Amino acid sequence: MKKLILSCITLLFIATSCNDEKKASNAEQVNTKSLDKFESKEFIDKYNMYIGFGNRFDKNVGNSYERYFSWADYEKGPSNESKRIGGVTTLSDFELEKLEKAIALDPEIEEVDDLMKTVLKDATTLYSTLEKADSYYQKQDYKDDDFALGKDLHKELVKAFENYYKSYDTMYINFKGLQNSLKEFEANKYKENGELIRYNLMMELNKADQVFDVIGNLDGEKLKSVDIKELKAKLADFRTVHNELEAQNKDETQKTKEFGKTSIAKSFLPSFIREGNSFIRETRNLIERIEKNDFDYGITHPSIPASGSALKLRAVFGNLVTNYNRMN
């Protein structure tokens, strides 16, 4: 069974071993020639290295972005008018080295290899720019030049972040298609082997992922643009699979067949189902907020995600993924 790790920034399903898998939406399709590669350990190893980059480096890019622009005005840049000088968070060149090695590995993944080269170029530029900015702010040189260099660095940082996100997002569109094909390939193998619980576990995460396809990165009042009818349809799809899992949880014969008689993994199935219940509840609450135009999340949000917020739904989804991992 595949282990999955959730990236809080990109909501990717991340694989962590040579047999792992990254899930995706149905947004894109890839050439069927890729199906021949899915049985190849070399393909999966390279695929997982790409996923590792997304889970680590891309997540850290998001953290760096949030830290810098939390105090530096996006349009004006840093100045003495800033309430505080927060500096920057640097990135790891080790992850860049790993990505460069991954791109060079066989077999060729024609859907994403060339796009990953562009990601690597823009990621390297962003890394170097953050290193320069970090040196500047660590030494507090802005006290000597009244942020003259800081403003130049700000322009470089804005451009570097924008270029990185553009290339990463372009790559990810294709990668989602690849993920979808691999997901279907793996899920169908479970089904063909009569491992219906494992099949539905994978499909439940896939249906949850489709809920996020509708929501996107929206939250708060921006959620008013969400297609409520489609969101309700995706929730209904999720519930269909969830109901099957609830029934299978009562089938001791099937559970023993797939997990073994004394398997610890089997004990986490009820926890997964409880988190599935929470996912249904939080999606319902989110729909109700949108319908009522109620986005008053309270003063503790986002530190403590409010019920019915997209952030709360993502937190529950993270718990689903954690319990999925525990069944491996």
Protein backbone atom coordinates (compact mmCIF):
# COMPACT_ATOMS: atom_id res chain seq x y z
CA MET A 1 0.00 0.00 0.00
CA LYS A 2 1.26 3.48 -0.85
CA LYS A 3 2.38 5.95 1.79
CA LEU A 4 1.29 9.53 1.31
CA ILE A 5 2.54 12.72 2.89
CA LEU A 6 0.62 15.96 2.75
CA SER A 7 2.34 19.20 1.84
CA CYS A 8 0.53 22.01 3.65
CA ILE A 9 1.41 24.51 0.94
CA THR A 10 0.53 22.67 -2.21
CA LEU A 11 -1.76 20.00 -0.91
CA LEU A 12 0.15 17.41 -2.86
CA PHE A 13 -0.02 13.75 -2.05
CA ILE A 14 3.59 12.78 -1.63
CA ALA A 15 5.22 9.39 -2.05
CA THR A 16 8.14 8.38 0.14
CA SER A 17 9.42 5.02 -1.08
CA CYS A 18 10.06 3.25 -4.35
CA ASN A 19 6.53 1.89 -4.26
CA ASP A 20 4.87 5.13 -3.20
CA GLU A 21 2.46 7.31 -5.12
CA LYS A 22 1.32 10.89 -5.50
CA LYS A 23 -2.40 11.40 -6.06
CA ALA A 24 -4.00 13.97 -8.32
CA SER A 25 -7.17 15.41 -9.74
CA ASN A 26 -8.78 14.45 -13.01
CA ALA A 27 -7.76 17.77 -14.55
CA GLU A 28 -5.15 16.46 -17.00
CA GLN A 29 -4.44 13.28 -18.92
CA VAL A 30 -1.06 11.96 -20.04
CA ASN A 31 0.14 9.81 -22.92
CA THR A 32 -0.75 6.16 -22.36
CA LYS A 33 2.90 5.24 -23.02
CA SER A 34 3.51 6.25 -19.42
CA LEU A 35 1.53 3.24 -18.24
CA ASP A 36 4.38 0.98 -19.34
CA LYS A 37 6.71 2.84 -17.01
CA PHE A 38 4.62 2.47 -13.89
CA GLU A 39 5.97 -1.02 -13.19
CA SER A 40 9.56 0.27 -13.39
CA LYS A 41 11.42 0.85 -10.13
CA GLU A 42 13.65 3.38 -11.90
CA PHE A 43 10.60 5.37 -12.98
CA ILE A 44 9.10 5.36 -9.49
CA ASP A 45 12.44 6.36 -7.92
CA LYS A 46 12.75 9.36 -10.22
CA TYR A 47 9.08 10.22 -9.81
CA ASN A 48 9.46 10.17 -6.02
CA MET A 49 12.50 12.46 -6.20
CA TYR A 50 10.35 15.01 -8.02
CA ILE A 51 7.70 14.65 -5.37
CA GLY A 52 10.27 15.07 -2.61
CA PHE A 53 11.33 18.35 -4.17
CA GLY A 54 7.74 19.56 -4.13
CA ASN A 55 7.19 18.47 -0.57
CA ARG A 56 10.36 20.04 0.80
CA PHE A 57 11.75 22.82 -1.39
CA ASP A 58 8.44 24.16 -2.71
CA LYS A 59 6.97 24.11 0.78
CA ASN A 60 9.95 26.09 2.07
CA VAL A 61 9.55 28.58 -0.79
CA GLY A 62 6.04 29.21 0.52
CA ASN A 63 7.35 29.73 4.05
CA SER A 64 10.01 32.12 2.78
CA TYR A 65 7.45 34.04 0.74
CA GLU A 66 5.11 34.40 3.71
CA ARG A 67 7.86 35.57 6.05
CA TYR A 68 9.31 38.23 3.77
CA PHE A 69 6.05 39.74 2.56
CA SER A 70 4.58 39.70 6.06
CA TRP A 71 6.69 42.77 6.80
CA ALA A 72 7.93 44.08 3.41
CA ASP A 73 5.25 45.79 1.31
CA TYR A 74 4.88 43.95 -1.99
CA GLU A 75 4.61 47.13 -4.07
CA LYS A 76 6.82 49.55 -2.12
CA GLY A 77 9.38 47.21 -0.65
CA PRO A 78 11.15 47.63 2.71
CA SER A 79 11.66 51.03 4.33
CA ASN A 80 12.11 52.72 7.69
CA GLU A 81 8.33 52.96 7.80
CA SER A 82 8.12 49.19 8.26
CA LYS A 83 6.92 48.35 11.76
CA ARG A 84 9.51 45.61 11.96
CA ILE A 85 12.34 44.23 9.87
CA GLY A 86 11.79 40.51 9.60
CA GLY A 87 14.52 39.51 7.17
CA VAL A 88 14.16 36.46 4.92
CA THR A 89 14.14 32.68 5.20
CA THR A 90 16.75 31.02 3.01
CA LEU A 91 16.43 27.77 1.05
CA SER A 92 18.46 24.57 0.76
CA ASP A 93 20.88 24.16 -2.14
CA PHE A 94 20.97 20.45 -1.26
CA GLU A 95 17.43 20.11 -2.61
CA LEU A 96 18.53 21.84 -5.81
CA GLU A 97 21.38 19.37 -6.23
CA LYS A 98 18.99 16.47 -5.73
CA LEU A 99 16.59 17.85 -8.31
CA GLU A 100 19.39 18.29 -10.84
CA LYS A 101 20.40 14.65 -10.34
CA ALA A 102 16.79 13.51 -10.65
CA ILE A 103 16.29 15.27 -13.98
CA ALA A 104 19.33 13.48 -15.41
CA LEU A 105 18.13 10.01 -14.37
CA ASP A 106 16.59 7.45 -16.71
CA PRO A 107 13.94 6.83 -17.79
CA GLU A 108 12.88 10.11 -19.35
CA ILE A 109 9.59 11.41 -17.99
CA GLU A 110 8.66 13.34 -21.07
CA GLU A 111 5.62 14.98 -19.48
CA VAL A 112 7.69 16.92 -16.94
CA ASP A 113 11.48 16.61 -17.44
CA ASP A 114 11.91 19.73 -19.59
CA LEU A 115 9.54 21.69 -17.37
CA MET A 116 11.53 20.61 -14.32
CA LYS A 117 14.66 22.06 -15.93
CA THR A 118 12.94 25.45 -16.00
CA VAL A 119 11.84 24.98 -12.38
CA LEU A 120 15.44 24.20 -11.43
CA LYS A 121 16.73 27.33 -13.18
CA ASP A 122 14.20 29.61 -11.50
CA ALA A 123 14.61 27.87 -8.13
CA THR A 124 18.37 28.38 -8.31
CA THR A 125 17.90 32.10 -9.04
CA LEU A 126 15.50 32.40 -6.11
CA TYR A 127 17.96 30.58 -3.83
CA SER A 128 20.80 32.95 -4.78
CA THR A 129 18.64 36.06 -4.38
CA LEU A 130 17.50 35.00 -0.92
CA GLU A 131 21.11 34.35 0.08
CA LYS A 132 22.06 37.92 -0.86
CA ALA A 133 19.06 39.34 0.97
CA ASP A 134 19.79 37.24 4.04
CA SER A 135 23.34 38.57 4.28
CA TYR A 136 22.06 42.13 3.95
CA TYR A 137 19.46 41.80 6.70
CA GLN A 138 21.56 39.63 9.01
CA LYS A 139 24.25 42.35 9.10
CA GLN A 140 21.61 45.10 9.32
CA ASP A 141 23.27 46.95 6.44
CA TYR A 142 19.96 48.71 5.83
CA LYS A 143 20.92 50.98 8.75
CA ASP A 144 23.83 52.28 6.65
CA ASP A 145 22.16 52.83 3.26
CA ASP A 146 18.58 53.63 4.28
CA PHE A 147 17.36 50.49 2.49
CA ALA A 148 18.91 51.48 -0.86
CA LEU A 149 20.19 47.95 -1.51
CA GLY A 150 17.14 46.54 0.23
CA LYS A 151 14.87 48.13 -2.36
CA ASP A 152 16.97 46.72 -5.21
CA LEU A 153 16.92 43.32 -3.57
CA HIS A 154 13.16 43.63 -3.15
CA LYS A 155 12.71 44.00 -6.91
CA GLU A 156 14.92 40.97 -7.46
CA LEU A 157 12.99 38.95 -4.87
CA VAL A 158 9.60 39.83 -6.33
CA LYS A 159 10.78 38.79 -9.80
CA ALA A 160 12.47 35.63 -8.52
CA PHE A 161 9.38 34.51 -6.59
CA GLU A 162 7.08 35.26 -9.52
CA ASN A 163 9.28 33.39 -12.01
CA TYR A 164 9.60 30.39 -9.70
CA TYR A 165 5.88 30.10 -9.06
CA LYS A 166 5.09 30.50 -12.76
CA SER A 167 7.45 27.70 -13.77
CA TYR A 168 6.42 25.45 -10.87
CA ASP A 169 2.71 25.90 -11.57
CA THR A 170 3.23 25.23 -15.27
CA MET A 171 5.13 22.04 -14.46
CA TYR A 172 2.51 20.95 -11.92
CA ILE A 173 -0.30 21.06 -14.49
CA ASN A 174 1.46 18.30 -16.41
CA PHE A 175 2.49 16.51 -13.25
CA LYS A 176 -1.13 16.31 -12.13
CA GLY A 177 -1.96 14.41 -15.30
CA LEU A 178 0.87 12.00 -14.61
CA GLN A 179 -0.33 11.55 -11.05
CA ASN A 180 -3.84 10.82 -12.24
CA SER A 181 -2.69 8.05 -14.55
CA LEU A 182 -0.49 6.50 -11.87
CA LYS A 183 -3.28 6.75 -9.30
CA GLU A 184 -5.71 4.95 -11.57
CA PHE A 185 -3.10 2.31 -12.39
CA GLU A 186 -2.42 1.56 -8.70
CA ALA A 187 -6.04 1.73 -7.60
CA ASN A 188 -7.13 -0.69 -10.30
CA LYS A 189 -4.47 -3.17 -9.21
CA TYR A 190 -5.97 -3.18 -5.71
CA LYS A 191 -9.42 -3.72 -7.15
CA GLU A 192 -8.28 -6.51 -9.45
CA ASN A 193 -6.65 -8.25 -6.47
CA GLY A 194 -9.86 -8.04 -4.48
CA GLU A 195 -8.34 -5.51 -2.03
CA LEU A 196 -11.47 -3.42 -1.94
CA ILE A 197 -10.67 -1.65 1.35
CA ARG A 198 -7.31 -0.46 0.05
CA TYR A 199 -8.99 0.54 -3.20
CA ASN A 200 -11.61 2.62 -1.40
CA LEU A 201 -9.03 4.19 0.91
CA MET A 202 -7.18 5.44 -2.14
CA MET A 203 -10.39 6.53 -3.85
CA GLU A 204 -11.61 8.40 -0.76
CA LEU A 205 -8.44 10.48 -0.74
CA ASN A 206 -8.93 11.04 -4.45
CA LYS A 207 -12.51 12.22 -3.93
CA ALA A 208 -11.30 14.56 -1.17
CA ASP A 209 -8.70 15.91 -3.57
CA GLN A 210 -11.50 16.66 -6.04
CA VAL A 211 -13.26 18.72 -3.38
CA PHE A 212 -10.13 20.88 -3.21
CA ASP A 213 -10.10 21.11 -7.00
CA VAL A 214 -13.37 23.06 -6.66
CA ILE A 215 -12.17 25.19 -3.74
CA GLY A 216 -8.70 25.87 -5.10
CA ASN A 217 -6.67 28.22 -2.91
CA LEU A 218 -9.67 30.33 -1.98
CA ASP A 219 -10.74 31.19 1.54
CA GLY A 220 -12.86 33.80 3.28
CA GLU A 221 -15.12 35.92 1.09
CA LYS A 222 -13.30 34.77 -2.04
CA LEU A 223 -15.13 31.46 -1.56
CA LYS A 224 -18.27 33.17 -2.84
CA SER A 225 -17.00 32.47 -6.35
CA VAL A 226 -17.03 28.70 -5.76
CA ASP A 227 -19.51 26.63 -7.77
CA ILE A 228 -21.73 25.38 -4.93
CA LYS A 229 -23.51 22.85 -7.12
CA GLU A 230 -20.22 21.27 -8.16
CA LEU A 231 -18.91 21.34 -4.59
CA LYS A 232 -22.00 19.50 -3.35
CA ALA A 233 -21.60 16.95 -6.15
CA LYS A 234 -17.98 16.30 -5.14
CA LEU A 235 -19.02 15.91 -1.51
CA ALA A 236 -21.66 13.39 -2.61
CA ASP A 237 -18.97 11.42 -4.48
CA PHE A 238 -16.82 11.43 -1.36
CA ARG A 239 -19.72 10.19 0.77
CA THR A 240 -20.43 7.32 -1.62
CA VAL A 241 -16.91 5.95 -1.18
CA HIS A 242 -16.95 6.72 2.55
CA ASN A 243 -20.16 4.74 3.01
CA GLU A 244 -18.51 1.74 1.36
CA LEU A 245 -15.56 2.00 3.74
CA GLU A 246 -17.89 2.16 6.73
CA ALA A 247 -19.55 -1.06 5.59
CA GLN A 248 -16.19 -2.73 4.92
CA ASN A 249 -14.99 -1.80 8.41
CA LYS A 250 -17.59 -4.23 9.73
CA ASP A 251 -16.38 -7.03 7.45
CA GLU A 252 -13.75 -8.84 9.56
CA THR A 253 -13.09 -11.37 6.82
CA GLN A 254 -12.20 -8.68 4.29
CA LYS A 255 -10.09 -6.76 6.82
CA THR A 256 -8.14 -9.87 7.74
CA LYS A 257 -7.62 -10.69 4.06
CA GLU A 258 -6.07 -7.29 3.37
CA PHE A 259 -4.32 -6.43 6.64
CA GLY A 260 -3.77 -9.73 8.41
CA LYS A 261 -5.36 -11.05 11.56
CA THR A 262 -3.24 -9.15 14.09
CA SER A 263 -2.06 -6.25 11.95
CA ILE A 264 -1.63 -2.89 13.67
CA ALA A 265 -2.50 -1.27 10.36
CA LYS A 266 -6.03 -2.66 10.59
CA SER A 267 -6.57 -0.78 13.86
CA PHE A 268 -6.18 2.57 12.11
CA LEU A 269 -9.09 2.01 9.75
CA PRO A 270 -11.68 3.26 12.31
CA SER A 271 -9.54 6.40 12.82
CA PHE A 272 -9.47 7.00 9.08
CA ILE A 273 -13.25 6.65 8.98
CA ARG A 274 -13.69 9.13 11.86
CA GLU A 275 -11.57 11.66 9.99
CA GLY A 276 -13.71 10.97 6.93
CA ASN A 277 -16.75 11.87 9.02
CA SER A 278 -15.00 15.09 10.00
CA PHE A 279 -14.22 15.84 6.36
CA ILE A 280 -17.92 15.50 5.52
CA ARG A 281 -18.89 17.73 8.44
CA GLU A 282 -16.36 20.46 7.63
CA THR A 283 -17.28 20.45 3.94
CA ARG A 284 -20.94 20.84 4.91
CA ASN A 285 -20.04 23.69 7.26
CA LEU A 286 -18.01 25.36 4.53
CA ILE A 287 -20.93 25.11 2.10
CA GLU A 288 -23.24 26.62 4.72
CA ARG A 289 -20.86 29.52 5.28
CA ILE A 290 -20.76 30.23 1.56
CA GLU A 291 -24.55 30.06 1.25
CA LYS A 292 -25.01 32.38 4.26
CA ASN A 293 -22.13 34.66 3.26
CA ASP A 294 -20.74 34.09 6.76
CA PHE A 295 -16.96 34.44 6.80
CA ASP A 296 -16.52 35.81 10.31
CA TYR A 297 -13.95 33.25 11.45
CA GLY A 298 -13.18 34.85 14.81
CA ILE A 299 -9.96 36.20 16.32
CA THR A 300 -8.28 32.81 16.80
CA HIS A 301 -8.33 32.05 13.08
CA PRO A 302 -6.01 31.12 11.38
CA SER A 303 -3.89 30.09 14.39
CA ILE A 304 -6.80 27.83 15.29
CA PRO A 305 -8.64 27.15 12.00
CA ALA A 306 -12.31 28.02 12.26
CA SER A 307 -14.93 25.40 11.54
CA GLY A 308 -16.22 25.73 8.01
CA SER A 309 -13.08 27.41 6.72
CA ALA A 310 -10.99 26.03 3.88
CA LEU A 311 -8.03 25.98 6.27
CA LYS A 312 -9.93 23.74 8.70
CA LEU A 313 -10.90 21.40 5.88
CA ARG A 314 -7.25 21.12 4.83
CA ALA A 315 -6.27 20.30 8.41
CA VAL A 316 -8.81 17.47 8.49
CA PHE A 317 -7.54 16.26 5.14
CA GLY A 318 -4.04 16.16 6.65
CA ASN A 319 -5.38 13.86 9.37
CA LEU A 320 -6.88 11.60 6.69
CA VAL A 321 -3.48 11.32 5.02
CA THR A 322 -1.76 10.64 8.36
CA ASN A 323 -4.10 7.74 9.11
CA TYR A 324 -3.66 6.44 5.59
CA ASN A 325 0.10 6.35 6.16
CA ARG A 326 -0.33 4.46 9.41
CA MET A 327 -1.97 1.63 7.53
CA ASN A 328 1.28 0.88 5.67
